[in-house]
Each structure stands twice: as structure tokens, then as C-alpha cells.
């Protein structure tokens, strides 16, 4: 009986570890400066998701290489942030606790779904 009690935590631990499933994700993310690209490939066609933020646009680089825009949509995104004092008598250099970070500029993020 004592042997069963000693091995019970080991069995529970093995059960928990064996029940975990490894994640396999065929999508890869590439971060090039402010350009977010999500690639997924299959046997029939290649798809590409590209995001351009805050007024940047480089879609012509992809359309010149044979990519076709399937879907295009925009989302609102915060481009820059600014720090302001929480109260009038707050010194942000001495007291870091009174600093509030607020959105400064709000722009658009363009999202393109491309296919080849």
C-alpha cells in the first residue's frame, strides 16, 4: 500500500505531461521594420497577409512580383504615444508615478490579403 502511495504523484505527473499536445503552426510571421507579413503556403496557391501602419505603403513591391490583392481592409491603430503629467504640480522627472501615457497620433493600418 505504501508503494502505491509513493508512485501516485509520479503517475499524476506523467498523466499531465503526456496529455499536453505540442503546437505545430505552419504559419510564419516575419517582421520587417513596421511591416507585418503572415505567410501560409499550400499546394494549390500561396497566400500572404501584409500590414502597413501609419501611412506607410509598400504594396507595389508585391504586386510587381506577381501577387494579386484579394482583400483589403483598414483598422484604426495608435501610431505614437505621449507622456503627460497626471496633475498640475507633478514633476515627471522626479516622480515617475505621476506620468500618464496617452495616445498622441491615431492612424490607419492597412491589411492586404494577397494571393499568387
N, C-alpha and C. Protein backbone atom coordinates (compact mmCIF):
# COMPACT_ATOMS: atom_id res chain seq x y z
N UNK A 1 0.81 -1.19 0.00
CA UNK A 1 0.00 0.00 0.00
C UNK A 1 0.85 1.25 0.00
N UNK A 2 1.96 1.24 0.75
CA UNK A 2 2.86 2.39 0.81
C UNK A 2 3.49 2.65 -0.56
N UNK A 3 3.78 1.57 -1.32
CA UNK A 3 4.38 1.73 -2.64
C UNK A 3 3.42 2.43 -3.60
N UNK A 4 2.15 2.13 -3.50
CA UNK A 4 1.15 2.77 -4.36
C UNK A 4 1.05 4.25 -4.04
N UNK A 5 1.08 4.59 -2.76
CA UNK A 5 1.00 6.00 -2.35
C UNK A 5 2.24 6.76 -2.81
N UNK A 6 3.41 6.13 -2.83
CA UNK A 6 4.64 6.79 -3.28
C UNK A 6 4.61 7.05 -4.79
N UNK A 7 4.03 6.16 -5.55
CA UNK A 7 4.03 6.31 -7.00
C UNK A 7 2.86 7.12 -7.54
N UNK A 8 1.88 7.42 -6.69
CA UNK A 8 0.71 8.17 -7.14
C UNK A 8 1.06 9.56 -7.68
N UNK A 9 1.89 10.37 -6.99
CA UNK A 9 2.26 11.68 -7.56
C UNK A 9 3.03 11.55 -8.87
N UNK A 10 3.84 10.51 -8.97
CA UNK A 10 4.58 10.29 -10.22
C UNK A 10 3.62 9.97 -11.36
N UNK A 11 2.62 9.14 -11.10
CA UNK A 11 1.64 8.79 -12.12
C UNK A 11 0.81 10.01 -12.53
N UNK A 12 0.44 10.83 -11.58
CA UNK A 12 -0.33 12.04 -11.89
C UNK A 12 0.52 12.99 -12.73
N UNK A 13 1.78 13.15 -12.38
CA UNK A 13 2.68 14.00 -13.15
C UNK A 13 2.87 13.50 -14.57
N UNK A 14 3.05 12.21 -14.74
CA UNK A 14 3.19 11.64 -16.07
C UNK A 14 1.91 11.80 -16.89
N UNK A 15 0.78 11.67 -16.24
CA UNK A 15 -0.50 11.85 -16.92
C UNK A 15 -0.65 13.29 -17.42
N UNK A 16 -0.27 14.24 -16.60
CA UNK A 16 -0.37 15.65 -17.00
C UNK A 16 0.58 15.95 -18.15
N UNK A 17 1.81 15.48 -18.07
CA UNK A 17 2.80 15.74 -19.13
C UNK A 17 2.39 15.08 -20.44
N UNK A 18 1.90 13.86 -20.37
CA UNK A 18 1.54 13.16 -21.60
C UNK A 18 0.28 13.72 -22.24
N UNK A 19 -0.54 14.41 -21.47
CA UNK A 19 -1.77 14.96 -22.04
C UNK A 19 -1.52 16.27 -22.77
N UNK A 20 -0.38 16.88 -22.56
CA UNK A 20 -0.06 18.13 -23.27
C UNK A 20 0.25 17.83 -24.72
N UNK A 21 -0.28 18.64 -25.61
CA UNK A 21 -0.09 18.44 -27.03
C UNK A 21 0.87 19.50 -27.54
N UNK A 22 1.81 19.11 -28.36
CA UNK A 22 2.73 20.09 -28.91
C UNK A 22 2.02 20.89 -29.98
N UNK A 23 2.35 22.18 -30.06
CA UNK A 23 1.73 23.05 -31.03
C UNK A 23 2.56 23.04 -32.31
N UNK A 24 1.92 22.79 -33.40
CA UNK A 24 2.57 22.89 -34.69
C UNK A 24 1.81 23.92 -35.48
N UNK A 25 2.51 24.95 -35.92
CA UNK A 25 1.89 26.04 -36.64
C UNK A 25 2.63 26.22 -37.96
N UNK A 26 1.93 26.08 -39.05
CA UNK A 26 2.56 26.19 -40.35
C UNK A 26 2.69 27.64 -40.79
N UNK A 27 2.02 28.56 -40.09
CA UNK A 27 2.12 29.97 -40.43
C UNK A 27 3.38 30.54 -39.80
N UNK A 28 4.09 31.37 -40.54
CA UNK A 28 5.27 32.02 -40.02
C UNK A 28 5.08 33.52 -40.09
N UNK A 29 5.61 34.22 -39.11
CA UNK A 29 5.50 35.67 -39.07
C UNK A 29 6.88 36.26 -39.31
N UNK A 30 6.93 37.25 -40.17
CA UNK A 30 8.17 37.93 -40.49
C UNK A 30 7.96 39.40 -40.17
N UNK A 31 8.85 39.97 -39.38
CA UNK A 31 8.72 41.37 -39.00
C UNK A 31 9.83 42.15 -39.70
N UNK A 32 9.48 42.96 -40.67
CA UNK A 32 10.41 43.80 -41.38
C UNK A 32 10.03 45.24 -41.08
N UNK A 33 10.81 45.90 -40.24
CA UNK A 33 10.57 47.24 -39.72
C UNK A 33 9.13 47.37 -39.25
N UNK A 34 8.27 48.13 -39.90
CA UNK A 34 6.90 48.26 -39.44
C UNK A 34 5.96 47.45 -40.31
N UNK A 35 6.48 46.51 -41.02
CA UNK A 35 5.69 45.73 -41.96
C UNK A 35 5.49 44.33 -41.41
N UNK A 36 4.27 43.93 -41.18
CA UNK A 36 3.96 42.61 -40.65
C UNK A 36 3.46 41.74 -41.79
N UNK A 37 4.08 40.57 -41.95
CA UNK A 37 3.73 39.66 -43.03
C UNK A 37 3.42 38.30 -42.43
N UNK A 38 2.33 37.72 -42.84
CA UNK A 38 1.97 36.36 -42.42
C UNK A 38 1.88 35.52 -43.68
N UNK A 39 2.71 34.48 -43.75
CA UNK A 39 2.73 33.62 -44.92
C UNK A 39 2.09 32.28 -44.59
N UNK A 40 1.31 31.78 -45.51
CA UNK A 40 0.82 30.41 -45.41
C UNK A 40 0.84 29.83 -46.81
N UNK A 41 1.43 28.66 -46.92
CA UNK A 41 1.56 28.07 -48.25
C UNK A 41 0.83 26.74 -48.30
N UNK A 42 0.29 26.46 -49.44
CA UNK A 42 -0.34 25.18 -49.67
C UNK A 42 0.06 24.72 -51.07
N UNK A 43 -0.40 23.56 -51.48
CA UNK A 43 0.00 23.03 -52.77
C UNK A 43 -0.63 23.82 -53.92
N UNK A 44 -1.85 24.32 -53.76
CA UNK A 44 -2.55 24.96 -54.86
C UNK A 44 -2.21 26.44 -55.00
N UNK A 45 -2.17 27.19 -53.90
CA UNK A 45 -1.88 28.62 -54.02
C UNK A 45 -1.10 29.10 -52.81
N UNK A 46 -0.48 30.25 -52.98
CA UNK A 46 0.25 30.88 -51.89
C UNK A 46 -0.53 32.10 -51.45
N UNK A 47 -0.67 32.27 -50.15
CA UNK A 47 -1.35 33.44 -49.61
C UNK A 47 -0.38 34.21 -48.73
N UNK A 48 -0.61 35.51 -48.68
CA UNK A 48 0.26 36.39 -47.94
C UNK A 48 -0.60 37.49 -47.32
N UNK A 49 -0.41 37.75 -46.03
CA UNK A 49 -1.10 38.84 -45.36
C UNK A 49 -0.07 39.88 -44.97
N UNK A 50 -0.27 41.12 -45.43
CA UNK A 50 0.68 42.19 -45.18
C UNK A 50 -0.04 43.32 -44.47
N UNK A 51 0.65 43.94 -43.49
CA UNK A 51 0.09 45.06 -42.75
C UNK A 51 1.04 46.25 -42.86
N UNK A 52 0.48 47.40 -43.22
CA UNK A 52 1.23 48.65 -43.27
C UNK A 52 0.57 49.62 -42.31
N UNK A 53 1.36 50.23 -41.44
CA UNK A 53 0.82 51.07 -40.39
C UNK A 53 1.18 52.54 -40.59
N UNK A 54 0.27 53.39 -40.18
CA UNK A 54 0.50 54.83 -40.01
C UNK A 54 1.01 55.50 -41.29
N UNK A 55 0.34 55.29 -42.37
CA UNK A 55 0.65 56.00 -43.61
C UNK A 55 1.70 55.34 -44.49
N UNK A 56 2.34 54.29 -44.05
CA UNK A 56 3.32 53.61 -44.90
C UNK A 56 2.58 52.73 -45.90
N UNK A 57 3.15 52.60 -47.07
CA UNK A 57 2.53 51.76 -48.08
C UNK A 57 3.63 51.23 -49.00
N UNK A 58 3.70 49.92 -49.15
CA UNK A 58 4.70 49.29 -50.00
C UNK A 58 4.10 48.13 -50.76
N UNK A 59 2.82 48.22 -51.04
CA UNK A 59 2.13 47.11 -51.70
C UNK A 59 2.60 46.93 -53.14
N UNK A 60 3.09 48.00 -53.76
CA UNK A 60 3.54 47.90 -55.15
C UNK A 60 4.71 46.95 -55.30
N UNK A 61 5.50 46.80 -54.25
CA UNK A 61 6.63 45.86 -54.28
C UNK A 61 6.13 44.43 -54.48
N UNK A 62 4.97 44.13 -53.92
CA UNK A 62 4.41 42.78 -54.03
C UNK A 62 3.61 42.60 -55.32
N UNK A 63 2.87 43.62 -55.72
CA UNK A 63 2.07 43.49 -56.94
C UNK A 63 2.97 43.42 -58.17
N UNK A 64 4.14 44.05 -58.11
CA UNK A 64 5.09 43.95 -59.22
C UNK A 64 5.68 42.55 -59.33
N UNK A 65 5.71 41.81 -58.21
CA UNK A 65 6.27 40.45 -58.22
C UNK A 65 5.22 39.38 -58.52
N UNK A 66 4.03 39.77 -58.94
CA UNK A 66 3.03 38.80 -59.35
C UNK A 66 1.97 38.50 -58.31
N UNK A 67 1.97 39.16 -57.18
CA UNK A 67 0.94 38.95 -56.17
C UNK A 67 -0.30 39.74 -56.55
N UNK A 68 -1.47 39.19 -56.27
CA UNK A 68 -2.75 39.83 -56.57
C UNK A 68 -3.46 40.11 -55.26
N UNK A 69 -3.98 41.34 -55.12
CA UNK A 69 -4.70 41.71 -53.90
C UNK A 69 -6.09 41.08 -53.94
N UNK A 70 -6.37 40.19 -52.97
CA UNK A 70 -7.65 39.51 -52.89
C UNK A 70 -8.60 40.30 -52.00
N UNK A 71 -8.09 40.79 -50.88
CA UNK A 71 -8.92 41.52 -49.93
C UNK A 71 -8.09 42.63 -49.30
N UNK A 72 -8.71 43.77 -49.07
CA UNK A 72 -8.04 44.90 -48.45
C UNK A 72 -9.00 45.53 -47.43
N UNK A 73 -8.50 45.78 -46.23
CA UNK A 73 -9.31 46.47 -45.23
C UNK A 73 -8.39 47.26 -44.31
N UNK A 74 -8.98 48.20 -43.57
CA UNK A 74 -8.20 49.06 -42.69
C UNK A 74 -8.73 48.96 -41.27
N UNK A 75 -7.82 49.21 -40.33
CA UNK A 75 -8.15 49.24 -38.92
C UNK A 75 -7.50 50.48 -38.31
N UNK A 76 -8.09 50.97 -37.25
CA UNK A 76 -7.52 52.11 -36.56
C UNK A 76 -6.40 51.63 -35.65
N UNK A 77 -5.28 52.39 -35.63
CA UNK A 77 -4.13 51.99 -34.84
C UNK A 77 -3.47 53.24 -34.25
N UNK A 78 -2.92 53.11 -33.06
CA UNK A 78 -2.21 54.21 -32.43
C UNK A 78 -0.79 54.24 -32.99
N UNK A 79 -0.41 55.37 -33.58
CA UNK A 79 0.92 55.49 -34.20
C UNK A 79 1.99 55.92 -33.19
N UNK A 80 1.69 56.95 -32.38
CA UNK A 80 2.66 57.43 -31.40
C UNK A 80 1.98 57.65 -30.06
N UNK A 81 2.79 57.63 -29.01
CA UNK A 81 2.32 57.84 -27.64
C UNK A 81 3.01 59.07 -27.07
N UNK A 82 2.37 59.74 -26.10
CA UNK A 82 3.00 60.86 -25.41
C UNK A 82 2.79 60.72 -23.92
N UNK A 83 3.72 61.26 -23.14
CA UNK A 83 3.63 61.23 -21.69
C UNK A 83 3.20 62.60 -21.20
N UNK A 84 2.23 62.62 -20.31
CA UNK A 84 1.74 63.87 -19.73
C UNK A 84 1.69 63.72 -18.21
N UNK A 85 1.71 64.86 -17.53
CA UNK A 85 1.64 64.86 -16.07
C UNK A 85 0.20 64.60 -15.62
N UNK A 86 0.05 63.84 -14.56
CA UNK A 86 -1.27 63.50 -14.05
C UNK A 86 -1.93 64.69 -13.37
N UNK A 87 -1.13 65.52 -12.70
CA UNK A 87 -1.65 66.72 -12.04
C UNK A 87 -0.80 67.91 -12.44
N UNK A 88 -1.26 69.10 -12.08
CA UNK A 88 -0.53 70.32 -12.46
C UNK A 88 0.81 70.43 -11.75
N UNK A 89 0.89 70.03 -10.49
CA UNK A 89 2.13 70.17 -9.73
C UNK A 89 3.02 68.92 -9.77
N UNK A 90 2.80 68.08 -10.72
CA UNK A 90 3.57 66.83 -10.87
C UNK A 90 4.86 67.12 -11.63
N UNK A 91 5.99 66.65 -11.11
CA UNK A 91 7.28 66.75 -11.80
C UNK A 91 7.61 65.36 -12.35
N UNK A 92 7.47 65.19 -13.66
CA UNK A 92 7.64 63.87 -14.26
C UNK A 92 9.08 63.36 -14.18
N UNK A 93 10.05 64.25 -14.06
CA UNK A 93 11.45 63.82 -13.98
C UNK A 93 11.76 63.22 -12.60
N UNK A 94 11.17 63.77 -11.56
CA UNK A 94 11.46 63.29 -10.21
C UNK A 94 10.51 62.19 -9.77
N UNK A 95 9.23 62.33 -10.10
CA UNK A 95 8.22 61.38 -9.65
C UNK A 95 7.65 60.62 -10.84
N UNK A 96 8.14 59.44 -11.09
CA UNK A 96 7.70 58.65 -12.25
C UNK A 96 6.27 58.15 -12.09
N UNK A 97 5.75 58.13 -10.87
CA UNK A 97 4.41 57.63 -10.63
C UNK A 97 3.30 58.55 -11.11
N UNK A 98 3.64 59.80 -11.38
CA UNK A 98 2.59 60.73 -11.82
C UNK A 98 2.58 60.90 -13.34
N UNK A 99 3.34 60.10 -14.05
CA UNK A 99 3.38 60.18 -15.51
C UNK A 99 2.29 59.30 -16.10
N UNK A 100 1.52 59.85 -17.03
CA UNK A 100 0.47 59.12 -17.72
C UNK A 100 0.82 59.07 -19.20
N UNK A 101 0.72 57.91 -19.79
CA UNK A 101 0.99 57.76 -21.22
C UNK A 101 -0.33 57.72 -21.96
N UNK A 102 -0.46 58.63 -22.96
CA UNK A 102 -1.68 58.73 -23.74
C UNK A 102 -1.35 58.58 -25.22
N UNK A 103 -2.33 58.15 -26.02
CA UNK A 103 -2.10 58.11 -27.47
C UNK A 103 -1.91 59.53 -28.00
N UNK A 104 -0.94 59.70 -28.88
CA UNK A 104 -0.68 61.01 -29.48
C UNK A 104 -1.32 61.10 -30.86
N UNK A 105 -0.90 60.23 -31.76
CA UNK A 105 -1.46 60.22 -33.11
C UNK A 105 -2.14 58.88 -33.36
N UNK A 106 -3.33 58.95 -33.92
CA UNK A 106 -4.07 57.74 -34.29
C UNK A 106 -4.15 57.70 -35.80
N UNK A 107 -3.72 56.59 -36.37
CA UNK A 107 -3.71 56.44 -37.82
C UNK A 107 -4.43 55.18 -38.25
N UNK A 108 -4.22 54.83 -39.49
CA UNK A 108 -4.85 53.65 -40.07
C UNK A 108 -3.79 52.58 -40.34
N UNK A 109 -4.19 51.34 -40.14
CA UNK A 109 -3.36 50.20 -40.51
C UNK A 109 -4.05 49.49 -41.67
N UNK A 110 -3.37 49.43 -42.81
CA UNK A 110 -3.93 48.75 -43.97
C UNK A 110 -3.50 47.29 -43.96
N UNK A 111 -4.46 46.42 -44.18
CA UNK A 111 -4.19 44.98 -44.18
C UNK A 111 -4.57 44.45 -45.55
N UNK A 112 -3.61 43.81 -46.20
CA UNK A 112 -3.83 43.24 -47.54
C UNK A 112 -3.72 41.73 -47.47
N UNK A 113 -4.63 41.05 -48.13
CA UNK A 113 -4.55 39.61 -48.31
C UNK A 113 -4.20 39.38 -49.77
N UNK A 114 -3.02 38.82 -49.99
CA UNK A 114 -2.51 38.63 -51.35
C UNK A 114 -2.50 37.15 -51.70
N UNK A 115 -2.60 36.86 -52.99
CA UNK A 115 -2.53 35.50 -53.49
C UNK A 115 -1.69 35.49 -54.76
N UNK A 116 -0.99 34.40 -54.94
CA UNK A 116 -0.20 34.25 -56.16
C UNK A 116 -0.77 33.13 -56.98
